[in-house]
Amino acid sequence: DSLDHDDPVEEVFEDQVACADLIILSKSDLMDGTASAKANAILGDH
């Protein structure tokens, strides 16, 4: 479920969240419980 570190676009994303003090998980109204849990789990790795 983790992102592909070899891709430079994804490295930009990882650098952004690694520097963050707070993560805003947007568009939560478009996710069900399973999707929300998956997104949070991926963020939890970074």
All heavy atoms as atom14 arrays in JSON, in Angstrom:
{
  "sequence": "DSLDHDDPVEEVFEDQVACADLIILSKSDLMDGTASAKANAILGDH",
  "atom14_mask": [
    [1, 1, 1, 1, 1, 1, 1, 1, 0, 0, 0, 0, 0, 0],
    [1, 1, 1, 1, 1, 1, 0, 0, 0, 0, 0, 0, 0, 0],
    [1, 1, 1, 1, 1, 1, 1, 1, 0, 0, 0, 0, 0, 0],
    [1, 1, 1, 1, 1, 1, 1, 1, 0, 0, 0, 0, 0, 0],
    [1, 1, 1, 1, 1, 1, 1, 1, 1, 1, 0, 0, 0, 0],
    [1, 1, 1, 1, 1, 1, 1, 1, 0, 0, 0, 0, 0, 0],
    [1, 1, 1, 1, 1, 1, 1, 1, 0, 0, 0, 0, 0, 0],
    [1, 1, 1, 1, 1, 1, 1, 0, 0, 0, 0, 0, 0, 0],
    [1, 1, 1, 1, 1, 1, 1, 0, 0, 0, 0, 0, 0, 0],
    [1, 1, 1, 1, 1, 1, 1, 1, 1, 0, 0, 0, 0, 0],
    [1, 1, 1, 1, 1, 1, 1, 1, 1, 0, 0, 0, 0, 0],
    [1, 1, 1, 1, 1, 1, 1, 0, 0, 0, 0, 0, 0, 0],
    [1, 1, 1, 1, 1, 1, 1, 1, 1, 1, 1, 0, 0, 0],
    [1, 1, 1, 1, 1, 1, 1, 1, 1, 0, 0, 0, 0, 0],
    [1, 1, 1, 1, 1, 1, 1, 1, 0, 0, 0, 0, 0, 0],
    [1, 1, 1, 1, 1, 1, 1, 1, 1, 0, 0, 0, 0, 0],
    [1, 1, 1, 1, 1, 1, 1, 0, 0, 0, 0, 0, 0, 0],
    [1, 1, 1, 1, 1, 0, 0, 0, 0, 0, 0, 0, 0, 0],
    [1, 1, 1, 1, 1, 1, 0, 0, 0, 0, 0, 0, 0, 0],
    [1, 1, 1, 1, 1, 0, 0, 0, 0, 0, 0, 0, 0, 0],
    [1, 1, 1, 1, 1, 1, 1, 1, 0, 0, 0, 0, 0, 0],
    [1, 1, 1, 1, 1, 1, 1, 1, 0, 0, 0, 0, 0, 0],
    [1, 1, 1, 1, 1, 1, 1, 1, 0, 0, 0, 0, 0, 0],
    [1, 1, 1, 1, 1, 1, 1, 1, 0, 0, 0, 0, 0, 0],
    [1, 1, 1, 1, 1, 1, 1, 1, 0, 0, 0, 0, 0, 0],
    [1, 1, 1, 1, 1, 1, 0, 0, 0, 0, 0, 0, 0, 0],
    [1, 1, 1, 1, 1, 1, 1, 1, 1, 0, 0, 0, 0, 0],
    [1, 1, 1, 1, 1, 1, 0, 0, 0, 0, 0, 0, 0, 0],
    [1, 1, 1, 1, 1, 1, 1, 1, 0, 0, 0, 0, 0, 0],
    [1, 1, 1, 1, 1, 1, 1, 1, 0, 0, 0, 0, 0, 0],
    [1, 1, 1, 1, 1, 1, 1, 1, 0, 0, 0, 0, 0, 0],
    [1, 1, 1, 1, 1, 1, 1, 1, 0, 0, 0, 0, 0, 0],
    [1, 1, 1, 1, 0, 0, 0, 0, 0, 0, 0, 0, 0, 0],
    [1, 1, 1, 1, 1, 1, 1, 0, 0, 0, 0, 0, 0, 0],
    [1, 1, 1, 1, 1, 0, 0, 0, 0, 0, 0, 0, 0, 0],
    [1, 1, 1, 1, 1, 1, 0, 0, 0, 0, 0, 0, 0, 0],
    [1, 1, 1, 1, 1, 0, 0, 0, 0, 0, 0, 0, 0, 0],
    [1, 1, 1, 1, 1, 1, 1, 1, 1, 0, 0, 0, 0, 0],
    [1, 1, 1, 1, 1, 0, 0, 0, 0, 0, 0, 0, 0, 0],
    [1, 1, 1, 1, 1, 1, 1, 1, 0, 0, 0, 0, 0, 0],
    [1, 1, 1, 1, 1, 0, 0, 0, 0, 0, 0, 0, 0, 0],
    [1, 1, 1, 1, 1, 1, 1, 1, 0, 0, 0, 0, 0, 0],
    [1, 1, 1, 1, 1, 1, 1, 1, 0, 0, 0, 0, 0, 0],
    [1, 1, 1, 1, 0, 0, 0, 0, 0, 0, 0, 0, 0, 0],
    [1, 1, 1, 1, 1, 1, 1, 1, 0, 0, 0, 0, 0, 0],
    [1, 1, 1, 1, 1, 1, 1, 1, 1, 1, 0, 0, 0, 0]
  ],
  "atom14_positions": [
    [[0.8, -1.21, 0.0], [0.0, 0.0, 0.0], [0.85, 1.27, 0.0], [0.32, 2.36, -0.21], [-0.92, 0.04, 1.22], [-2.06, -0.96, 1.1], [-2.38, -1.35, -0.03], [-2.6, -1.34, 2.15], [0.0, 0.0, 0.0], [0.0, 0.0, 0.0], [0.0, 0.0, 0.0], [0.0, 0.0, 0.0], [0.0, 0.0, 0.0], [0.0, 0.0, 0.0]],
    [[2.15, 1.14, 0.29], [2.99, 2.34, 0.34], [3.26, 2.85, -1.07], [3.08, 2.15, -2.07], [4.31, 2.04, 1.04], [5.06, 1.11, 0.29], [0.0, 0.0, 0.0], [0.0, 0.0, 0.0], [0.0, 0.0, 0.0], [0.0, 0.0, 0.0], [0.0, 0.0, 0.0], [0.0, 0.0, 0.0], [0.0, 0.0, 0.0], [0.0, 0.0, 0.0]],
    [[3.71, 4.09, -1.16], [3.95, 4.71, -2.46], [5.3, 4.31, -3.03], [6.19, 3.88, -2.32], [3.87, 6.24, -2.31], [2.56, 6.75, -1.74], [2.64, 8.25, -1.52], [1.41, 6.42, -2.67], [0.0, 0.0, 0.0], [0.0, 0.0, 0.0], [0.0, 0.0, 0.0], [0.0, 0.0, 0.0], [0.0, 0.0, 0.0], [0.0, 0.0, 0.0]],
    [[5.45, 4.46, -4.32], [6.67, 4.09, -5.03], [7.73, 5.18, -4.84], [7.64, 6.25, -5.41], [6.35, 3.92, -6.52], [7.56, 3.44, -7.31], [8.67, 3.37, -6.74], [7.37, 3.14, -8.49], [0.0, 0.0, 0.0], [0.0, 0.0, 0.0], [0.0, 0.0, 0.0], [0.0, 0.0, 0.0], [0.0, 0.0, 0.0], [0.0, 0.0, 0.0]],
    [[8.73, 4.91, -4.02], [9.74, 5.91, -3.71], [10.62, 6.26, -4.89], [11.3, 7.28, -4.87], [10.64, 5.44, -2.56], [9.89, 5.29, -1.27], [10.51, 5.11, -0.06], [8.55, 5.3, -1.0], [9.62, 5.02, 0.9], [8.42, 5.11, 0.35], [0.0, 0.0, 0.0], [0.0, 0.0, 0.0], [0.0, 0.0, 0.0], [0.0, 0.0, 0.0]],
    [[10.62, 5.42, -5.9], [11.5, 5.67, -7.04], [10.98, 6.76, -7.96], [11.72, 7.28, -8.77], [11.69, 4.38, -7.86], [12.45, 3.33, -7.07], [13.27, 3.73, -6.22], [12.22, 2.13, -7.3], [0.0, 0.0, 0.0], [0.0, 0.0, 0.0], [0.0, 0.0, 0.0], [0.0, 0.0, 0.0], [0.0, 0.0, 0.0], [0.0, 0.0, 0.0]],
    [[9.71, 7.08, -7.85], [9.13, 8.07, -8.74], [9.37, 9.47, -8.18], [9.05, 9.73, -7.01], [7.63, 7.83, -8.9], [7.05, 8.66, -10.03], [6.98, 9.89, -9.87], [6.69, 8.07, -11.06], [0.0, 0.0, 0.0], [0.0, 0.0, 0.0], [0.0, 0.0, 0.0], [0.0, 0.0, 0.0], [0.0, 0.0, 0.0], [0.0, 0.0, 0.0]],
    [[9.93, 10.41, -8.95], [10.21, 11.74, -8.4], [8.97, 12.49, -7.95], [9.04, 13.28, -7.02], [10.9, 12.46, -9.57], [10.54, 11.68, -10.79], [10.39, 10.27, -10.34], [0.0, 0.0, 0.0], [0.0, 0.0, 0.0], [0.0, 0.0, 0.0], [0.0, 0.0, 0.0], [0.0, 0.0, 0.0], [0.0, 0.0, 0.0], [0.0, 0.0, 0.0]],
    [[7.84, 12.27, -8.6], [6.6, 12.94, -8.17], [6.23, 12.48, -6.77], [5.85, 13.27, -5.91], [5.47, 12.65, -9.17], [4.17, 13.28, -8.69], [5.82, 13.16, -10.54], [0.0, 0.0, 0.0], [0.0, 0.0, 0.0], [0.0, 0.0, 0.0], [0.0, 0.0, 0.0], [0.0, 0.0, 0.0], [0.0, 0.0, 0.0], [0.0, 0.0, 0.0]],
    [[6.34, 11.22, -6.52], [6.0, 10.69, -5.22], [7.03, 11.1, -4.17], [6.7, 11.24, -2.99], [5.85, 9.17, -5.31], [4.67, 8.78, -6.18], [4.5, 7.28, -6.34], [5.4, 6.53, -5.92], [3.47, 6.87, -6.9], [0.0, 0.0, 0.0], [0.0, 0.0, 0.0], [0.0, 0.0, 0.0], [0.0, 0.0, 0.0], [0.0, 0.0, 0.0]],
    [[8.27, 11.31, -4.58], [9.26, 11.82, -3.64], [8.91, 13.23, -3.19], [9.11, 13.59, -2.03], [10.66, 11.79, -4.27], [11.24, 10.4, -4.4], [12.67, 10.4, -4.89], [13.24, 11.5, -5.05], [13.23, 9.31, -5.1], [0.0, 0.0, 0.0], [0.0, 0.0, 0.0], [0.0, 0.0, 0.0], [0.0, 0.0, 0.0], [0.0, 0.0, 0.0]],
    [[8.39, 14.04, -4.11], [7.93, 15.38, -3.73], [6.83, 15.27, -2.68], [6.85, 15.96, -1.66], [7.42, 16.15, -4.97], [6.74, 17.45, -4.54], [8.57, 16.46, -5.92], [0.0, 0.0, 0.0], [0.0, 0.0, 0.0], [0.0, 0.0, 0.0], [0.0, 0.0, 0.0], [0.0, 0.0, 0.0], [0.0, 0.0, 0.0], [0.0, 0.0, 0.0]],
    [[5.88, 14.39, -2.92], [4.79, 14.18, -1.97], [5.34, 13.75, -0.61], [4.94, 14.28, 0.43], [3.85, 13.1, -2.53], [2.84, 12.6, -1.54], [1.67, 13.31, -1.29], [3.05, 11.42, -0.85], [0.73, 12.85, -0.37], [2.12, 10.94, 0.06], [0.96, 11.66, 0.3], [0.0, 0.0, 0.0], [0.0, 0.0, 0.0], [0.0, 0.0, 0.0]],
    [[6.25, 12.8, -0.6], [6.79, 12.3, 0.66], [7.57, 13.38, 1.41], [7.51, 13.47, 2.64], [7.67, 11.07, 0.4], [6.85, 9.87, -0.03], [7.71, 8.69, -0.46], [8.94, 8.85, -0.49], [7.15, 7.63, -0.75], [0.0, 0.0, 0.0], [0.0, 0.0, 0.0], [0.0, 0.0, 0.0], [0.0, 0.0, 0.0], [0.0, 0.0, 0.0]],
    [[8.3, 14.2, 0.67], [9.03, 15.29, 1.31], [8.07, 16.3, 1.93], [8.34, 16.89, 2.98], [9.94, 15.99, 0.3], [11.22, 15.18, 0.02], [11.35, 14.09, 0.59], [12.07, 15.67, -0.74], [0.0, 0.0, 0.0], [0.0, 0.0, 0.0], [0.0, 0.0, 0.0], [0.0, 0.0, 0.0], [0.0, 0.0, 0.0], [0.0, 0.0, 0.0]],
    [[6.93, 16.53, 1.27], [5.95, 17.47, 1.8], [5.36, 16.98, 3.12], [5.29, 17.73, 4.1], [4.84, 17.72, 0.77], [5.28, 18.54, -0.43], [4.22, 18.67, -1.5], [3.2, 17.99, -1.45], [4.46, 19.53, -2.47], [0.0, 0.0, 0.0], [0.0, 0.0, 0.0], [0.0, 0.0, 0.0], [0.0, 0.0, 0.0], [0.0, 0.0, 0.0]],
    [[4.94, 15.72, 3.16], [4.32, 15.23, 4.39], [5.36, 15.0, 5.49], [5.05, 15.13, 6.68], [3.5, 13.94, 4.14], [2.36, 14.21, 3.16], [4.37, 12.8, 3.64], [0.0, 0.0, 0.0], [0.0, 0.0, 0.0], [0.0, 0.0, 0.0], [0.0, 0.0, 0.0], [0.0, 0.0, 0.0], [0.0, 0.0, 0.0], [0.0, 0.0, 0.0]],
    [[6.61, 14.71, 5.11], [7.66, 14.5, 6.11], [8.0, 15.78, 6.84], [8.45, 15.76, 7.99], [8.91, 13.92, 5.44], [0.0, 0.0, 0.0], [0.0, 0.0, 0.0], [0.0, 0.0, 0.0], [0.0, 0.0, 0.0], [0.0, 0.0, 0.0], [0.0, 0.0, 0.0], [0.0, 0.0, 0.0], [0.0, 0.0, 0.0], [0.0, 0.0, 0.0]],
    [[7.8, 16.92, 6.18], [8.12, 18.21, 6.78], [6.93, 18.81, 7.54], [7.07, 19.81, 8.23], [8.58, 19.19, 5.68], [9.36, 20.69, 6.3], [0.0, 0.0, 0.0], [0.0, 0.0, 0.0], [0.0, 0.0, 0.0], [0.0, 0.0, 0.0], [0.0, 0.0, 0.0], [0.0, 0.0, 0.0], [0.0, 0.0, 0.0], [0.0, 0.0, 0.0]],
    [[5.77, 18.18, 7.43], [4.54, 18.78, 7.96], [4.4, 18.61, 9.47], [4.83, 17.6, 10.05], [3.33, 18.17, 7.26], [0.0, 0.0, 0.0], [0.0, 0.0, 0.0], [0.0, 0.0, 0.0], [0.0, 0.0, 0.0], [0.0, 0.0, 0.0], [0.0, 0.0, 0.0], [0.0, 0.0, 0.0], [0.0, 0.0, 0.0], [0.0, 0.0, 0.0]],
    [[3.78, 19.61, 10.08], [3.4, 19.54, 11.49], [1.94, 19.12, 11.64], [1.52, 18.7, 12.71], [3.6, 20.91, 12.14], [5.03, 21.37, 12.06], [5.89, 20.75, 12.7], [5.3, 22.35, 11.31], [0.0, 0.0, 0.0], [0.0, 0.0, 0.0], [0.0, 0.0, 0.0], [0.0, 0.0, 0.0], [0.0, 0.0, 0.0], [0.0, 0.0, 0.0]],
    [[1.19, 19.25, 10.56], [-0.22, 18.89, 10.55], [-0.6, 18.47, 9.13], [-0.18, 19.1, 8.17], [-1.07, 20.09, 10.98], [-2.53, 19.87, 11.32], [-2.66, 19.07, 12.62], [-3.26, 21.2, 11.48], [0.0, 0.0, 0.0], [0.0, 0.0, 0.0], [0.0, 0.0, 0.0], [0.0, 0.0, 0.0], [0.0, 0.0, 0.0], [0.0, 0.0, 0.0]],
    [[-1.36, 17.39, 9.02], [-1.83, 16.9, 7.72], [-3.33, 17.15, 7.61], [-4.11, 16.77, 8.49], [-1.58, 15.39, 7.55], [-0.1, 15.04, 7.73], [-2.09, 14.93, 6.19], [0.8, 15.54, 6.63], [0.0, 0.0, 0.0], [0.0, 0.0, 0.0], [0.0, 0.0, 0.0], [0.0, 0.0, 0.0], [0.0, 0.0, 0.0], [0.0, 0.0, 0.0]],
    [[-3.73, 17.84, 6.54], [-5.15, 18.02, 6.25], [-5.53, 16.99, 5.19], [-5.06, 17.04, 4.05], [-5.44, 19.44, 5.73], [-5.07, 20.48, 6.79], [-6.9, 19.57, 5.34], [-5.85, 20.35, 8.09], [0.0, 0.0, 0.0], [0.0, 0.0, 0.0], [0.0, 0.0, 0.0], [0.0, 0.0, 0.0], [0.0, 0.0, 0.0], [0.0, 0.0, 0.0]],
    [[-6.35, 16.03, 5.57], [-6.81, 14.98, 4.64], [-8.1, 15.48, 4.0], [-9.17, 15.43, 4.6], [-7.03, 13.66, 5.39], [-7.25, 12.42, 4.53], [-6.03, 12.12, 3.66], [-7.57, 11.22, 5.42], [0.0, 0.0, 0.0], [0.0, 0.0, 0.0], [0.0, 0.0, 0.0], [0.0, 0.0, 0.0], [0.0, 0.0, 0.0], [0.0, 0.0, 0.0]],
    [[-7.98, 16.0, 2.79], [-9.11, 16.69, 2.15], [-10.09, 15.71, 1.51], [-9.8, 14.54, 1.32], [-8.59, 17.66, 1.08], [-8.01, 16.96, 0.0], [0.0, 0.0, 0.0], [0.0, 0.0, 0.0], [0.0, 0.0, 0.0], [0.0, 0.0, 0.0], [0.0, 0.0, 0.0], [0.0, 0.0, 0.0], [0.0, 0.0, 0.0], [0.0, 0.0, 0.0]],
    [[-11.27, 16.26, 1.19], [-12.33, 15.53, 0.48], [-12.79, 14.29, 1.25], [-13.11, 13.25, 0.67], [-11.85, 15.14, -0.93], [-11.27, 16.33, -1.71], [-10.62, 15.9, -3.01], [-9.88, 17.06, -3.65], [-9.15, 16.69, -4.86], [0.0, 0.0, 0.0], [0.0, 0.0, 0.0], [0.0, 0.0, 0.0], [0.0, 0.0, 0.0], [0.0, 0.0, 0.0]],
    [[-12.82, 14.41, 2.58], [-13.2, 13.27, 3.41], [-14.64, 12.84, 3.16], [-15.01, 11.68, 3.41], [-13.01, 13.6, 4.89], [-13.81, 14.71, 5.27], [0.0, 0.0, 0.0], [0.0, 0.0, 0.0], [0.0, 0.0, 0.0], [0.0, 0.0, 0.0], [0.0, 0.0, 0.0], [0.0, 0.0, 0.0], [0.0, 0.0, 0.0], [0.0, 0.0, 0.0]],
    [[-15.47, 13.78, 2.64], [-16.85, 13.44, 2.35], [-16.97, 12.5, 1.16], [-18.04, 11.91, 0.93], [-17.66, 14.71, 2.08], [-17.05, 15.58, 0.98], [-15.81, 15.72, 0.95], [-17.81, 16.12, 0.16], [0.0, 0.0, 0.0], [0.0, 0.0, 0.0], [0.0, 0.0, 0.0], [0.0, 0.0, 0.0], [0.0, 0.0, 0.0], [0.0, 0.0, 0.0]],
    [[-15.88, 12.34, 0.4], [-15.89, 11.45, -0.76], [-15.32, 10.07, -0.44], [-15.14, 9.26, -1.35], [-15.09, 12.09, -1.91], [-15.55, 13.48, -2.37], [-14.66, 13.97, -3.51], [-17.01, 13.43, -2.81], [0.0, 0.0, 0.0], [0.0, 0.0, 0.0], [0.0, 0.0, 0.0], [0.0, 0.0, 0.0], [0.0, 0.0, 0.0], [0.0, 0.0, 0.0]],
    [[-15.02, 9.82, 0.84], [-14.44, 8.53, 1.23], [-15.36, 7.8, 2.2], [-15.95, 8.42, 3.09], [-13.08, 8.74, 1.9], [-11.99, 9.26, 0.99], [-10.37, 9.25, 1.82], [-10.6, 10.55, 3.03], [0.0, 0.0, 0.0], [0.0, 0.0, 0.0], [0.0, 0.0, 0.0], [0.0, 0.0, 0.0], [0.0, 0.0, 0.0], [0.0, 0.0, 0.0]],
    [[-15.45, 6.48, 2.05], [-16.14, 5.69, 3.07], [-15.12, 5.29, 4.14], [-13.95, 5.68, 4.09], [-16.8, 4.45, 2.44], [-15.81, 3.53, 1.71], [-14.59, 3.63, 1.96], [-16.27, 2.71, 0.9], [0.0, 0.0, 0.0], [0.0, 0.0, 0.0], [0.0, 0.0, 0.0], [0.0, 0.0, 0.0], [0.0, 0.0, 0.0], [0.0, 0.0, 0.0]],
    [[-15.56, 4.51, 5.11], [-14.67, 4.14, 6.21], [-13.45, 3.37, 5.78], [-12.33, 3.59, 6.29], [0.0, 0.0, 0.0], [0.0, 0.0, 0.0], [0.0, 0.0, 0.0], [0.0, 0.0, 0.0], [0.0, 0.0, 0.0], [0.0, 0.0, 0.0], [0.0, 0.0, 0.0], [0.0, 0.0, 0.0], [0.0, 0.0, 0.0], [0.0, 0.0, 0.0]],
    [[-13.61, 2.49, 4.81], [-12.48, 1.69, 4.34], [-11.44, 2.56, 3.64], [-10.23, 2.44, 3.88], [-12.97, 0.6, 3.36], [-13.9, -0.25, 4.04], [-11.81, -0.23, 2.84], [0.0, 0.0, 0.0], [0.0, 0.0, 0.0], [0.0, 0.0, 0.0], [0.0, 0.0, 0.0], [0.0, 0.0, 0.0], [0.0, 0.0, 0.0], [0.0, 0.0, 0.0]],
    [[-11.9, 3.47, 2.78], [-10.99, 4.36, 2.08], [-10.26, 5.29, 3.04], [-9.06, 5.53, 2.92], [-11.75, 5.18, 1.04], [0.0, 0.0, 0.0], [0.0, 0.0, 0.0], [0.0, 0.0, 0.0], [0.0, 0.0, 0.0], [0.0, 0.0, 0.0], [0.0, 0.0, 0.0], [0.0, 0.0, 0.0], [0.0, 0.0, 0.0], [0.0, 0.0, 0.0]],
    [[-10.99, 5.82, 4.02], [-10.38, 6.7, 5.01], [-9.3, 5.97, 5.8], [-8.21, 6.51, 6.03], [-11.45, 7.23, 5.96], [-10.89, 8.09, 6.92], [0.0, 0.0, 0.0], [0.0, 0.0, 0.0], [0.0, 0.0, 0.0], [0.0, 0.0, 0.0], [0.0, 0.0, 0.0], [0.0, 0.0, 0.0], [0.0, 0.0, 0.0], [0.0, 0.0, 0.0]],
    [[-9.59, 4.75, 6.18], [-8.6, 3.96, 6.94], [-7.36, 3.69, 6.09], [-6.23, 3.75, 6.6], [-9.23, 2.64, 7.4], [0.0, 0.0, 0.0], [0.0, 0.0, 0.0], [0.0, 0.0, 0.0], [0.0, 0.0, 0.0], [0.0, 0.0, 0.0], [0.0, 0.0, 0.0], [0.0, 0.0, 0.0], [0.0, 0.0, 0.0], [0.0, 0.0, 0.0]],
    [[-7.54, 3.44, 4.82], [-6.41, 3.16, 3.94], [-5.55, 4.4, 3.76], [-4.31, 4.33, 3.82], [-6.91, 2.66, 2.58], [-5.79, 2.19, 1.66], [-6.36, 1.52, 0.42], [-5.24, 0.99, -0.47], [-5.77, 0.31, -1.66], [0.0, 0.0, 0.0], [0.0, 0.0, 0.0], [0.0, 0.0, 0.0], [0.0, 0.0, 0.0], [0.0, 0.0, 0.0]],
    [[-6.19, 5.56, 3.54], [-5.44, 6.81, 3.38], [-4.66, 7.13, 4.64], [-3.48, 7.53, 4.58], [-6.39, 7.95, 3.04], [0.0, 0.0, 0.0], [0.0, 0.0, 0.0], [0.0, 0.0, 0.0], [0.0, 0.0, 0.0], [0.0, 0.0, 0.0], [0.0, 0.0, 0.0], [0.0, 0.0, 0.0], [0.0, 0.0, 0.0], [0.0, 0.0, 0.0]],
    [[-5.28, 6.96, 5.8], [-4.59, 7.23, 7.06], [-3.43, 6.27, 7.28], [-2.38, 6.67, 7.81], [-5.58, 7.14, 8.23], [-6.36, 8.42, 8.44], [-5.91, 9.31, 9.15], [-7.54, 8.49, 7.84], [0.0, 0.0, 0.0], [0.0, 0.0, 0.0], [0.0, 0.0, 0.0], [0.0, 0.0, 0.0], [0.0, 0.0, 0.0], [0.0, 0.0, 0.0]],
    [[-3.61, 5.01, 6.88], [-2.53, 4.04, 7.04], [-1.32, 4.39, 6.18], [-0.18, 4.26, 6.62], [-3.04, 2.63, 6.69], [0.0, 0.0, 0.0], [0.0, 0.0, 0.0], [0.0, 0.0, 0.0], [0.0, 0.0, 0.0], [0.0, 0.0, 0.0], [0.0, 0.0, 0.0], [0.0, 0.0, 0.0], [0.0, 0.0, 0.0], [0.0, 0.0, 0.0]],
    [[-1.56, 4.83, 4.95], [-0.46, 5.21, 4.07], [0.27, 6.42, 4.65], [1.5, 6.46, 4.69], [-0.99, 5.52, 2.65], [-1.53, 4.24, 2.0], [0.12, 6.12, 1.78], [-2.22, 4.46, 0.68], [0.0, 0.0, 0.0], [0.0, 0.0, 0.0], [0.0, 0.0, 0.0], [0.0, 0.0, 0.0], [0.0, 0.0, 0.0], [0.0, 0.0, 0.0]],
    [[-0.49, 7.41, 5.1], [0.14, 8.58, 5.71], [0.93, 8.2, 6.95], [2.01, 8.74, 7.21], [-0.93, 9.62, 6.09], [-1.48, 10.45, 4.94], [-2.67, 11.27, 5.42], [-0.4, 11.36, 4.37], [0.0, 0.0, 0.0], [0.0, 0.0, 0.0], [0.0, 0.0, 0.0], [0.0, 0.0, 0.0], [0.0, 0.0, 0.0], [0.0, 0.0, 0.0]],
    [[0.41, 7.24, 7.71], [1.09, 6.81, 8.92], [2.48, 6.28, 8.68], [3.35, 6.31, 9.57], [0.0, 0.0, 0.0], [0.0, 0.0, 0.0], [0.0, 0.0, 0.0], [0.0, 0.0, 0.0], [0.0, 0.0, 0.0], [0.0, 0.0, 0.0], [0.0, 0.0, 0.0], [0.0, 0.0, 0.0], [0.0, 0.0, 0.0], [0.0, 0.0, 0.0]],
    [[2.74, 5.8, 7.46], [4.07, 5.27, 7.12], [5.06, 6.39, 6.81], [6.26, 6.14, 6.7], [3.98, 4.35, 5.91], [3.24, 3.05, 6.21], [3.23, 2.65, 7.39], [2.69, 2.46, 5.28], [0.0, 0.0, 0.0], [0.0, 0.0, 0.0], [0.0, 0.0, 0.0], [0.0, 0.0, 0.0], [0.0, 0.0, 0.0], [0.0, 0.0, 0.0]],
    [[4.58, 7.63, 6.64], [5.45, 8.71, 6.17], [5.52, 9.93, 7.08], [6.37, 10.79, 6.86], [4.99, 9.17, 4.79], [5.03, 8.09, 3.74], [6.2, 7.54, 3.28], [4.04, 7.43, 3.1], [5.94, 6.61, 2.39], [4.63, 6.52, 2.26], [0.0, 0.0, 0.0], [0.0, 0.0, 0.0], [0.0, 0.0, 0.0], [0.0, 0.0, 0.0]]
  ]
}
